[in-house]
């Protein structure tokens, strides 16, 4: 069961923008992140939820979509996320967030996937631009942004070829291919 959910939980970059997500659903997903493990149990992550179309447009302008797809500026209007979560680190609690963002994102995205939605994590965001959209006080560090929505693309996993190239790519039918290393290539028998 968990294997199926993990295999279905991909990084999606195109969505049915007209399929809206409500704040309460997103809060349920964040609640599961809240209940997940936290380094030293500090629980220093905070979240901003946006389902507002105008704010979503401003967030969209401040994130970079796909580093390996050099000629693709991101999804067109109508294929953009219908919601975003901005993940913040509360510096008044901790200056070091350890692995908490990864654990929290995985909890949020697995929850979204279970309900037929998907997302994309953005570590590559214009922090000052995001900060300006919400007038975020200085005590909070913008850690990352998660775009959420109903996926509008097919993402498939491929085996990494002998050349070792791990760059994701799109085929002519716009299927998104993600090369993954073989299990035996990541297990060390020392």
C-alpha atoms as a PDB file:
ATOM      1  CA  UNK A   1       0.000   0.000   0.000  1.00  0.00           C
ATOM      2  CA  UNK A   2       2.667   2.567   0.964  1.00  0.00           C
ATOM      3  CA  UNK A   3       4.783   1.469  -2.023  1.00  0.00           C
ATOM      4  CA  UNK A   4       1.901   2.228  -4.400  1.00  0.00           C
ATOM      5  CA  UNK A   5       1.396   5.637  -2.799  1.00  0.00           C
ATOM      6  CA  UNK A   6       5.115   6.490  -3.059  1.00  0.00           C
ATOM      7  CA  UNK A   7       5.225   5.384  -6.706  1.00  0.00           C
ATOM      8  CA  UNK A   8       2.208   7.560  -7.475  1.00  0.00           C
ATOM      9  CA  UNK A   9       3.646  10.558  -5.579  1.00  0.00           C
ATOM     10  CA  UNK A  10       5.662  12.251  -8.319  1.00  0.00           C
ATOM     11  CA  UNK A  11       6.783  15.829  -8.862  1.00  0.00           C
ATOM     12  CA  UNK A  12       4.028  17.277 -11.025  1.00  0.00           C
ATOM     13  CA  UNK A  13       4.542  20.518 -12.925  1.00  0.00           C
ATOM     14  CA  UNK A  14       1.236  20.841 -14.800  1.00  0.00           C
ATOM     15  CA  UNK A  15      -2.203  20.845 -13.201  1.00  0.00           C
ATOM     16  CA  UNK A  16      -5.894  21.265 -13.933  1.00  0.00           C
ATOM     17  CA  UNK A  17      -5.896  24.814 -12.612  1.00  0.00           C
ATOM     18  CA  UNK A  18      -9.694  24.966 -12.595  1.00  0.00           C
ATOM     19  CA  UNK A  19      -9.844  22.134 -10.023  1.00  0.00           C
ATOM     20  CA  UNK A  20      -9.684  24.095  -6.797  1.00  0.00           C
ATOM     21  CA  UNK A  21      -8.337  23.013  -3.444  1.00  0.00           C
ATOM     22  CA  UNK A  22      -9.945  24.343  -0.298  1.00  0.00           C
ATOM     23  CA  UNK A  23      -8.073  25.637   2.716  1.00  0.00           C
ATOM     24  CA  UNK A  24      -9.515  22.972   5.036  1.00  0.00           C
ATOM     25  CA  UNK A  25      -8.144  20.106   2.909  1.00  0.00           C
ATOM     26  CA  UNK A  26      -4.697  21.687   2.826  1.00  0.00           C
ATOM     27  CA  UNK A  27      -4.862  22.233   6.598  1.00  0.00           C
ATOM     28  CA  UNK A  28      -5.521  18.492   7.038  1.00  0.00           C
ATOM     29  CA  UNK A  29      -2.353  17.738   5.047  1.00  0.00           C
ATOM     30  CA  UNK A  30      -0.330  20.250   7.073  1.00  0.00           C
ATOM     31  CA  UNK A  31      -1.723  18.712  10.252  1.00  0.00           C
ATOM     32  CA  UNK A  32      -0.172  15.390   9.219  1.00  0.00           C
ATOM     33  CA  UNK A  33       3.141  17.198   8.662  1.00  0.00           C
ATOM     34  CA  UNK A  34       2.760  18.716  12.139  1.00  0.00           C
ATOM     35  CA  UNK A  35       2.365  15.234  13.611  1.00  0.00           C
ATOM     36  CA  UNK A  36       5.427  13.899  11.761  1.00  0.00           C
ATOM     37  CA  UNK A  37       8.918  13.684  13.280  1.00  0.00           C
ATOM     38  CA  UNK A  38      10.793  16.890  14.031  1.00  0.00           C
ATOM     39  CA  UNK A  39      14.481  17.254  14.931  1.00  0.00           C
ATOM     40  CA  UNK A  40      14.772  17.673  18.716  1.00  0.00           C
ATOM     41  CA  UNK A  41      10.960  18.020  18.595  1.00  0.00           C
ATOM     42  CA  UNK A  42      11.434  21.775  18.096  1.00  0.00           C
ATOM     43  CA  UNK A  43       8.553  22.017  15.591  1.00  0.00           C
ATOM     44  CA  UNK A  44       9.914  25.236  14.122  1.00  0.00           C
ATOM     45  CA  UNK A  45       8.144  25.033  10.752  1.00  0.00           C
ATOM     46  CA  UNK A  46       5.261  27.393   9.969  1.00  0.00           C
ATOM     47  CA  UNK A  47       3.038  27.474   6.898  1.00  0.00           C
ATOM     48  CA  UNK A  48       1.179  29.985   4.758  1.00  0.00           C
ATOM     49  CA  UNK A  49      -1.654  28.624   2.610  1.00  0.00           C
ATOM     50  CA  UNK A  50      -2.689  30.371  -0.607  1.00  0.00           C
ATOM     51  CA  UNK A  51      -5.764  29.461  -2.609  1.00  0.00           C
ATOM     52  CA  UNK A  52      -6.249  33.066  -3.739  1.00  0.00           C
ATOM     53  CA  UNK A  53      -5.816  33.447  -7.511  1.00  0.00           C
ATOM     54  CA  UNK A  54      -4.106  36.847  -7.302  1.00  0.00           C
ATOM     55  CA  UNK A  55      -1.615  35.726  -4.660  1.00  0.00           C
ATOM     56  CA  UNK A  56      -1.065  32.484  -6.558  1.00  0.00           C
ATOM     57  CA  UNK A  57      -0.108  34.511  -9.628  1.00  0.00           C
ATOM     58  CA  UNK A  58       2.427  36.466  -7.583  1.00  0.00           C
ATOM     59  CA  UNK A  59       3.861  33.261  -6.102  1.00  0.00           C
ATOM     60  CA  UNK A  60       4.097  31.769  -9.598  1.00  0.00           C
ATOM     61  CA  UNK A  61       6.229  34.725 -10.738  1.00  0.00           C
ATOM     62  CA  UNK A  62       8.691  34.068  -7.909  1.00  0.00           C
ATOM     63  CA  UNK A  63       9.474  30.367  -8.417  1.00  0.00           C
ATOM     64  CA  UNK A  64      11.610  28.533 -10.969  1.00  0.00           C
ATOM     65  CA  UNK A  65       9.982  25.472 -12.445  1.00  0.00           C
ATOM     66  CA  UNK A  66      12.342  22.892 -13.923  1.00  0.00           C
ATOM     67  CA  UNK A  67      16.104  23.322 -13.979  1.00  0.00           C
ATOM     68  CA  UNK A  68      16.716  20.551 -16.506  1.00  0.00           C
ATOM     69  CA  UNK A  69      14.018  21.798 -18.924  1.00  0.00           C
ATOM     70  CA  UNK A  70      15.956  24.874 -20.050  1.00  0.00           C
ATOM     71  CA  UNK A  71      13.457  26.003 -22.711  1.00  0.00           C
ATOM     72  CA  UNK A  72      10.379  25.635 -20.504  1.00  0.00           C
ATOM     73  CA  UNK A  73       9.390  28.658 -18.400  1.00  0.00           C
ATOM     74  CA  UNK A  74       6.776  26.727 -16.441  1.00  0.00           C
ATOM     75  CA  UNK A  75       3.163  25.777 -16.956  1.00  0.00           C
ATOM     76  CA  UNK A  76       0.884  27.931 -19.050  1.00  0.00           C
ATOM     77  CA  UNK A  77      -2.170  29.673 -17.639  1.00  0.00           C
ATOM     78  CA  UNK A  78      -4.753  26.945 -17.018  1.00  0.00           C
ATOM     79  CA  UNK A  79      -2.037  24.417 -16.042  1.00  0.00           C
ATOM     80  CA  UNK A  80      -0.734  26.129 -12.918  1.00  0.00           C
ATOM     81  CA  UNK A  81      -1.243  25.035  -9.306  1.00  0.00           C
ATOM     82  CA  UNK A  82      -4.563  25.987  -7.772  1.00  0.00           C
ATOM     83  CA  UNK A  83      -2.928  26.323  -4.344  1.00  0.00           C
ATOM     84  CA  UNK A  84       0.438  26.873  -2.709  1.00  0.00           C
ATOM     85  CA  UNK A  85       1.983  26.272   0.667  1.00  0.00           C
ATOM     86  CA  UNK A  86       4.874  28.498   1.699  1.00  0.00           C
ATOM     87  CA  UNK A  87       6.980  26.693   4.297  1.00  0.00           C
ATOM     88  CA  UNK A  88       8.748  28.934   6.787  1.00  0.00           C
ATOM     89  CA  UNK A  89      11.331  28.355   9.475  1.00  0.00           C
ATOM     90  CA  UNK A  90      10.637  30.234  12.689  1.00  0.00           C
ATOM     91  CA  UNK A  91      14.036  31.626  13.725  1.00  0.00           C
ATOM     92  CA  UNK A  92      12.699  32.436  17.207  1.00  0.00           C
ATOM     93  CA  UNK A  93      12.455  28.665  17.779  1.00  0.00           C
ATOM     94  CA  UNK A  94      15.522  27.449  15.878  1.00  0.00           C
ATOM     95  CA  UNK A  95      18.130  28.609  13.381  1.00  0.00           C
ATOM     96  CA  UNK A  96      18.664  25.063  12.088  1.00  0.00           C
ATOM     97  CA  UNK A  97      15.731  23.139  10.624  1.00  0.00           C
ATOM     98  CA  UNK A  98      17.707  19.927  10.020  1.00  0.00           C
ATOM     99  CA  UNK A  99      15.638  17.484   7.965  1.00  0.00           C
ATOM    100  CA  UNK A 100      12.208  18.733   9.083  1.00  0.00           C
ATOM    101  CA  UNK A 101      11.300  20.345   5.705  1.00  0.00           C
ATOM    102  CA  UNK A 102      11.841  17.069   3.837  1.00  0.00           C
ATOM    103  CA  UNK A 103       9.807  15.056   6.318  1.00  0.00           C
ATOM    104  CA  UNK A 104       7.015  17.650   6.329  1.00  0.00           C
ATOM    105  CA  UNK A 105       6.915  17.885   2.519  1.00  0.00           C
ATOM    106  CA  UNK A 106       6.779  14.123   2.155  1.00  0.00           C
ATOM    107  CA  UNK A 107       3.870  13.957   4.618  1.00  0.00           C
ATOM    108  CA  UNK A 108       2.003  16.730   2.786  1.00  0.00           C
ATOM    109  CA  UNK A 109       2.599  15.310  -0.689  1.00  0.00           C
ATOM    110  CA  UNK A 110       1.723  11.731   0.270  1.00  0.00           C
ATOM    111  CA  UNK A 111      -1.506  13.046   1.809  1.00  0.00           C
ATOM    112  CA  UNK A 112      -2.278  14.999  -1.357  1.00  0.00           C
ATOM    113  CA  UNK A 113      -1.512  11.976  -3.544  1.00  0.00           C
ATOM    114  CA  UNK A 114      -3.775   9.753  -1.472  1.00  0.00           C
ATOM    115  CA  UNK A 115      -6.647  12.134  -2.258  1.00  0.00           C
ATOM    116  CA  UNK A 116      -5.935  12.362  -6.002  1.00  0.00           C
ATOM    117  CA  UNK A 117      -3.879  15.558  -5.941  1.00  0.00           C
ATOM    118  CA  UNK A 118      -0.186  16.202  -6.388  1.00  0.00           C
ATOM    119  CA  UNK A 119       2.455  18.820  -6.043  1.00  0.00           C
ATOM    120  CA  UNK A 120       5.872  20.200  -6.728  1.00  0.00           C
ATOM    121  CA  UNK A 121       8.410  21.420  -4.148  1.00  0.00           C
ATOM    122  CA  UNK A 122      10.328  24.578  -5.001  1.00  0.00           C
ATOM    123  CA  UNK A 123      13.573  25.255  -3.217  1.00  0.00           C
ATOM    124  CA  UNK A 124      14.457  27.594  -6.051  1.00  0.00           C
ATOM    125  CA  UNK A 125      12.301  30.586  -5.218  1.00  0.00           C
ATOM    126  CA  UNK A 126      12.875  34.308  -4.977  1.00  0.00           C
ATOM    127  CA  UNK A 127      12.724  34.629  -1.193  1.00  0.00           C
ATOM    128  CA  UNK A 128      12.321  38.405  -1.207  1.00  0.00           C
ATOM    129  CA  UNK A 129       9.530  38.165  -3.785  1.00  0.00           C
ATOM    130  CA  UNK A 130       7.674  35.508  -1.765  1.00  0.00           C
ATOM    131  CA  UNK A 131       8.268  37.502   1.415  1.00  0.00           C
ATOM    132  CA  UNK A 132       6.695  40.544  -0.277  1.00  0.00           C
ATOM    133  CA  UNK A 133       3.556  38.703  -1.400  1.00  0.00           C
ATOM    134  CA  UNK A 134       2.619  38.027   2.227  1.00  0.00           C
ATOM    135  CA  UNK A 135       4.567  40.705   4.147  1.00  0.00           C
ATOM    136  CA  UNK A 136       6.396  37.923   6.016  1.00  0.00           C
ATOM    137  CA  UNK A 137       8.108  39.231   9.178  1.00  0.00           C
ATOM    138  CA  UNK A 138      11.911  38.853   9.412  1.00  0.00           C
ATOM    139  CA  UNK A 139      11.779  36.183  12.132  1.00  0.00           C
ATOM    140  CA  UNK A 140      10.639  33.712   9.444  1.00  0.00           C
ATOM    141  CA  UNK A 141      12.913  32.239   6.793  1.00  0.00           C
ATOM    142  CA  UNK A 142      11.278  31.168   3.522  1.00  0.00           C
ATOM    143  CA  UNK A 143      12.446  27.551   3.218  1.00  0.00           C
ATOM    144  CA  UNK A 144      10.456  26.388   0.219  1.00  0.00           C
ATOM    145  CA  UNK A 145       7.186  26.575  -1.660  1.00  0.00           C
ATOM    146  CA  UNK A 146       4.890  23.675  -2.565  1.00  0.00           C
ATOM    147  CA  UNK A 147       2.597  24.054  -5.589  1.00  0.00           C
ATOM    148  CA  UNK A 148      -0.534  21.878  -5.325  1.00  0.00           C
ATOM    149  CA  UNK A 149      -3.319  20.802  -7.622  1.00  0.00           C
ATOM    150  CA  UNK A 150      -4.901  18.051  -9.669  1.00  0.00           C
ATOM    151  CA  UNK A 151      -2.081  16.631 -11.861  1.00  0.00           C
ATOM    152  CA  UNK A 152      -2.473  17.163 -15.593  1.00  0.00           C
ATOM    153  CA  UNK A 153       0.544  15.223 -16.749  1.00  0.00           C
ATOM    154  CA  UNK A 154       1.944  11.734 -16.807  1.00  0.00           C
ATOM    155  CA  UNK A 155       5.212  11.160 -14.981  1.00  0.00           C
ATOM    156  CA  UNK A 156       7.034   7.870 -15.496  1.00  0.00           C
ATOM    157  CA  UNK A 157      10.117   6.429 -13.836  1.00  0.00           C
ATOM    158  CA  UNK A 158      12.892   5.144 -16.079  1.00  0.00           C
ATOM    159  CA  UNK A 159      16.046   3.284 -15.180  1.00  0.00           C
ATOM    160  CA  UNK A 160      19.206   5.391 -15.360  1.00  0.00           C
ATOM    161  CA  UNK A 161      21.059   4.508 -18.555  1.00  0.00           C
ATOM    162  CA  UNK A 162      24.673   3.340 -18.604  1.00  0.00           C
ATOM    163  CA  UNK A 163      25.855   6.924 -19.163  1.00  0.00           C
ATOM    164  CA  UNK A 164      24.542   7.775 -15.668  1.00  0.00           C
ATOM    165  CA  UNK A 165      22.409  10.725 -16.829  1.00  0.00           C
ATOM    166  CA  UNK A 166      19.808  11.485 -14.130  1.00  0.00           C
ATOM    167  CA  UNK A 167      18.275  14.559 -15.826  1.00  0.00           C
ATOM    168  CA  UNK A 168      14.511  14.390 -16.196  1.00  0.00           C
ATOM    169  CA  UNK A 169      13.084  15.096 -19.652  1.00  0.00           C
ATOM    170  CA  UNK A 170       9.885  15.236 -21.706  1.00  0.00           C
ATOM    171  CA  UNK A 171       9.134  13.157 -24.761  1.00  0.00           C
ATOM    172  CA  UNK A 172       7.222  14.492 -27.821  1.00  0.00           C
ATOM    173  CA  UNK A 173       3.901  13.468 -26.186  1.00  0.00           C
ATOM    174  CA  UNK A 174       4.873  15.607 -23.151  1.00  0.00           C
ATOM    175  CA  UNK A 175       5.239  12.577 -20.872  1.00  0.00           C
ATOM    176  CA  UNK A 176       7.685  13.535 -18.125  1.00  0.00           C
ATOM    177  CA  UNK A 177      10.476  10.950 -17.665  1.00  0.00           C
ATOM    178  CA  UNK A 178      12.445  10.688 -14.422  1.00  0.00           C
ATOM    179  CA  UNK A 179      15.524   8.420 -14.446  1.00  0.00           C
ATOM    180  CA  UNK A 180      16.110   6.511 -11.186  1.00  0.00           C
ATOM    181  CA  UNK A 181      19.209   4.594 -10.210  1.00  0.00           C
ATOM    182  CA  UNK A 182      18.895   0.818  -9.717  1.00  0.00           C
ATOM    183  CA  UNK A 183      18.582  -0.466  -6.165  1.00  0.00           C
ATOM    184  CA  UNK A 184      21.821  -2.429  -6.508  1.00  0.00           C
ATOM    185  CA  UNK A 185      23.587   0.801  -7.495  1.00  0.00           C
ATOM    186  CA  UNK A 186      22.751   2.508  -4.218  1.00  0.00           C
ATOM    187  CA  UNK A 187      23.377  -0.360  -1.786  1.00  0.00           C
ATOM    188  CA  UNK A 188      26.984  -0.623  -0.668  1.00  0.00           C
ATOM    189  CA  UNK A 189      28.295  -3.990   0.510  1.00  0.00           C
ATOM    190  CA  UNK A 190      31.299  -2.889   2.532  1.00  0.00           C
END
